[in-house]
Amino acid sequence: MRISILLATVSATVLLAGCERPAVVVTPAPTVVAAPSPTVIAVPGPAGATGATGATGETGMSGAAAQKGDTGATGATGATGTTGSTGSTGATGYTGATGSTGADGQRGKTGDNILVVPTR
């Protein structure tokens, strides 16, 4: 960046130093001339011939080539996100259907009675 500014300053100085400076022109004070009598009316004549075309000016200098800028710094790491909220409690399930009645048991057998006596 410093080199491009320096190059632009030096080239501007060289261009301005090489320009032709016109000489100072001093115009004399106008002299007062008595106007002719108003009885004479001047009629303009035909137009004169066209003047010659002026010379072409010189081509200007080319500007300096631009320089590539520096790479920017890496950005900072982003902050950690917040923890999500707890979900809602689920709905209560339906009550199950009543089971079928079991099959009838076998008929009991008749026989000896057993008596259990605790000992201590």
C-alpha atoms as a PDB file:
ATOM      1  CA  MET A   1       0.000   0.000   0.000  1.00  0.00           C
ATOM      2  CA  ARG A   2       2.857   2.379   0.844  1.00  0.00           C
ATOM      3  CA  ILE A   3       4.547   1.669  -2.474  1.00  0.00           C
ATOM      4  CA  SER A   4       1.420   2.443  -4.492  1.00  0.00           C
ATOM      5  CA  ILE A   5       0.933   5.797  -2.711  1.00  0.00           C
ATOM      6  CA  LEU A   6       4.613   6.645  -3.236  1.00  0.00           C
ATOM      7  CA  LEU A   7       4.408   5.661  -6.915  1.00  0.00           C
ATOM      8  CA  ALA A   8       1.279   7.785  -7.425  1.00  0.00           C
ATOM      9  CA  THR A   9       2.961  10.805  -5.767  1.00  0.00           C
ATOM     10  CA  VAL A  10       6.127  10.498  -7.848  1.00  0.00           C
ATOM     11  CA  SER A  11       4.212  10.051 -11.119  1.00  0.00           C
ATOM     12  CA  ALA A  12       1.998  13.080 -10.350  1.00  0.00           C
ATOM     13  CA  THR A  13       5.104  15.190  -9.651  1.00  0.00           C
ATOM     14  CA  VAL A  14       6.745  14.117 -12.923  1.00  0.00           C
ATOM     15  CA  LEU A  15       3.573  14.814 -14.913  1.00  0.00           C
ATOM     16  CA  LEU A  16       3.088  18.270 -13.412  1.00  0.00           C
ATOM     17  CA  ALA A  17       6.760  19.196 -13.825  1.00  0.00           C
ATOM     18  CA  GLY A  18       6.656  18.256 -17.521  1.00  0.00           C
ATOM     19  CA  CYS A  19       3.665  20.491 -18.339  1.00  0.00           C
ATOM     20  CA  GLU A  20       4.252  23.561 -20.442  1.00  0.00           C
ATOM     21  CA  ARG A  21       3.424  26.714 -18.521  1.00  0.00           C
ATOM     22  CA  PRO A  22       1.980  29.515 -20.622  1.00  0.00           C
ATOM     23  CA  ALA A  23       3.706  32.903 -20.507  1.00  0.00           C
ATOM     24  CA  VAL A  24       1.894  35.658 -18.641  1.00  0.00           C
ATOM     25  CA  VAL A  25      -0.025  37.785 -21.136  1.00  0.00           C
ATOM     26  CA  VAL A  26      -0.520  41.436 -20.277  1.00  0.00           C
ATOM     27  CA  THR A  27      -3.314  43.098 -22.193  1.00  0.00           C
ATOM     28  CA  PRO A  28      -2.957  46.827 -22.745  1.00  0.00           C
ATOM     29  CA  ALA A  29      -5.639  49.161 -21.512  1.00  0.00           C
ATOM     30  CA  PRO A  30      -8.352  49.734 -24.138  1.00  0.00           C
ATOM     31  CA  THR A  31      -8.183  52.994 -26.044  1.00  0.00           C
ATOM     32  CA  VAL A  32     -11.320  55.029 -26.426  1.00  0.00           C
ATOM     33  CA  VAL A  33     -12.283  55.656 -30.065  1.00  0.00           C
ATOM     34  CA  ALA A  34     -15.054  58.009 -31.090  1.00  0.00           C
ATOM     35  CA  ALA A  35     -18.028  56.167 -32.523  1.00  0.00           C
ATOM     36  CA  PRO A  36     -18.966  56.911 -36.138  1.00  0.00           C
ATOM     37  CA  SER A  37     -22.131  58.824 -36.806  1.00  0.00           C
ATOM     38  CA  PRO A  38     -25.286  56.669 -36.676  1.00  0.00           C
ATOM     39  CA  THR A  39     -26.271  57.461 -40.251  1.00  0.00           C
ATOM     40  CA  VAL A  40     -23.901  54.786 -41.616  1.00  0.00           C
ATOM     41  CA  ILE A  41     -25.258  51.221 -41.291  1.00  0.00           C
ATOM     42  CA  ALA A  42     -22.669  48.441 -41.689  1.00  0.00           C
ATOM     43  CA  VAL A  43     -23.850  45.291 -43.521  1.00  0.00           C
ATOM     44  CA  PRO A  44     -21.843  42.092 -42.824  1.00  0.00           C
ATOM     45  CA  GLY A  45     -20.186  40.420 -45.797  1.00  0.00           C
ATOM     46  CA  PRO A  46     -19.946  36.719 -46.604  1.00  0.00           C
ATOM     47  CA  ALA A  47     -18.286  34.366 -44.115  1.00  0.00           C
ATOM     48  CA  GLY A  48     -14.557  33.740 -44.454  1.00  0.00           C
ATOM     49  CA  ALA A  49     -12.924  30.390 -45.181  1.00  0.00           C
ATOM     50  CA  THR A  50     -12.799  27.722 -42.450  1.00  0.00           C
ATOM     51  CA  GLY A  51      -9.567  27.679 -40.451  1.00  0.00           C
ATOM     52  CA  ALA A  52      -7.172  24.727 -40.438  1.00  0.00           C
ATOM     53  CA  THR A  53      -7.722  21.845 -37.994  1.00  0.00           C
ATOM     54  CA  GLY A  54      -5.549  21.981 -34.868  1.00  0.00           C
ATOM     55  CA  ALA A  55      -2.854  19.396 -34.178  1.00  0.00           C
ATOM     56  CA  THR A  56      -3.665  16.307 -32.084  1.00  0.00           C
ATOM     57  CA  GLY A  57      -2.413  16.415 -28.493  1.00  0.00           C
ATOM     58  CA  GLU A  58       0.049  13.906 -27.049  1.00  0.00           C
ATOM     59  CA  THR A  59      -1.141  10.698 -25.441  1.00  0.00           C
ATOM     60  CA  GLY A  60      -1.044  10.745 -21.601  1.00  0.00           C
ATOM     61  CA  MET A  61       0.942   8.316 -19.475  1.00  0.00           C
ATOM     62  CA  SER A  62      -0.590   5.043 -18.279  1.00  0.00           C
ATOM     63  CA  GLY A  63      -1.414   4.734 -14.577  1.00  0.00           C
ATOM     64  CA  ALA A  64       0.465   2.415 -12.247  1.00  0.00           C
ATOM     65  CA  ALA A  65      -0.797  -1.154 -11.798  1.00  0.00           C
ATOM     66  CA  ALA A  66      -2.769  -1.789  -8.584  1.00  0.00           C
ATOM     67  CA  GLN A  67      -1.289  -4.012  -5.905  1.00  0.00           C
ATOM     68  CA  LYS A  68      -3.117  -6.863  -4.216  1.00  0.00           C
ATOM     69  CA  GLY A  69      -4.203  -6.128  -0.627  1.00  0.00           C
ATOM     70  CA  ASP A  70      -3.270  -8.183   2.437  1.00  0.00           C
ATOM     71  CA  THR A  71      -5.383 -11.151   3.541  1.00  0.00           C
ATOM     72  CA  GLY A  72      -7.763 -10.318   6.391  1.00  0.00           C
ATOM     73  CA  ALA A  73      -7.459 -11.840   9.881  1.00  0.00           C
ATOM     74  CA  THR A  74      -9.375 -14.998  10.842  1.00  0.00           C
ATOM     75  CA  GLY A  75     -12.612 -14.314  12.685  1.00  0.00           C
ATOM     76  CA  ALA A  76     -13.198 -15.345  16.334  1.00  0.00           C
ATOM     77  CA  THR A  77     -14.807 -18.689  17.237  1.00  0.00           C
ATOM     78  CA  GLY A  78     -18.535 -18.450  17.895  1.00  0.00           C
ATOM     79  CA  ALA A  79     -20.035 -18.990  21.376  1.00  0.00           C
ATOM     80  CA  THR A  80     -21.467 -22.366  22.468  1.00  0.00           C
ATOM     81  CA  GLY A  81     -25.211 -22.676  22.012  1.00  0.00           C
ATOM     82  CA  THR A  82     -27.685 -23.040  24.931  1.00  0.00           C
ATOM     83  CA  THR A  83     -29.033 -26.405  26.141  1.00  0.00           C
ATOM     84  CA  GLY A  84     -32.477 -27.274  24.848  1.00  0.00           C
ATOM     85  CA  SER A  85     -35.486 -27.428  27.234  1.00  0.00           C
ATOM     86  CA  THR A  86     -36.964 -30.686  28.614  1.00  0.00           C
ATOM     87  CA  GLY A  87     -39.792 -32.185  26.578  1.00  0.00           C
ATOM     88  CA  SER A  88     -43.411 -32.443  27.812  1.00  0.00           C
ATOM     89  CA  THR A  89     -44.675 -35.520  29.716  1.00  0.00           C
ATOM     90  CA  GLY A  90     -46.446 -38.046  27.526  1.00  0.00           C
ATOM     91  CA  ALA A  91     -50.211 -38.662  27.769  1.00  0.00           C
ATOM     92  CA  THR A  92     -51.548 -41.498  29.983  1.00  0.00           C
ATOM     93  CA  GLY A  93     -52.287 -44.727  28.089  1.00  0.00           C
ATOM     94  CA  TYR A  94     -55.686 -46.388  27.781  1.00  0.00           C
ATOM     95  CA  THR A  95     -56.864 -49.036  30.300  1.00  0.00           C
ATOM     96  CA  GLY A  96     -56.460 -52.559  28.988  1.00  0.00           C
ATOM     97  CA  ALA A  97     -59.445 -54.799  28.253  1.00  0.00           C
ATOM     98  CA  THR A  98     -60.558 -57.366  30.877  1.00  0.00           C
ATOM     99  CA  GLY A  99     -59.137 -60.846  30.241  1.00  0.00           C
ATOM    100  CA  SER A 100     -61.246 -63.857  29.403  1.00  0.00           C
ATOM    101  CA  THR A 101     -62.475 -66.142  32.148  1.00  0.00           C
ATOM    102  CA  GLY A 102     -60.273 -69.193  32.620  1.00  0.00           C
ATOM    103  CA  ALA A 103     -61.416 -72.742  31.917  1.00  0.00           C
ATOM    104  CA  ASP A 104     -63.239 -74.654  34.630  1.00  0.00           C
ATOM    105  CA  GLY A 105     -60.992 -76.699  36.909  1.00  0.00           C
ATOM    106  CA  GLN A 106     -61.270 -80.488  37.343  1.00  0.00           C
ATOM    107  CA  ARG A 107     -63.592 -81.794  39.878  1.00  0.00           C
ATOM    108  CA  GLY A 108     -61.961 -82.574  43.224  1.00  0.00           C
ATOM    109  CA  LYS A 109     -61.385 -86.185  44.341  1.00  0.00           C
ATOM    110  CA  THR A 110     -62.715 -87.453  47.561  1.00  0.00           C
ATOM    111  CA  GLY A 111     -60.356 -89.238  49.824  1.00  0.00           C
ATOM    112  CA  ASP A 112     -58.310 -89.065  52.978  1.00  0.00           C
ATOM    113  CA  ASN A 113     -58.201 -85.885  55.050  1.00  0.00           C
ATOM    114  CA  ILE A 114     -54.776 -84.721  55.947  1.00  0.00           C
ATOM    115  CA  LEU A 115     -54.365 -82.806  59.155  1.00  0.00           C
ATOM    116  CA  VAL A 116     -51.251 -80.749  59.720  1.00  0.00           C
ATOM    117  CA  VAL A 117     -50.245 -80.306  63.382  1.00  0.00           C
ATOM    118  CA  PRO A 118     -47.571 -77.824  64.241  1.00  0.00           C
ATOM    119  CA  THR A 119     -44.795 -79.048  66.571  1.00  0.00           C
ATOM    120  CA  ARG A 120     -42.933 -76.977  68.934  1.00  0.00           C
END
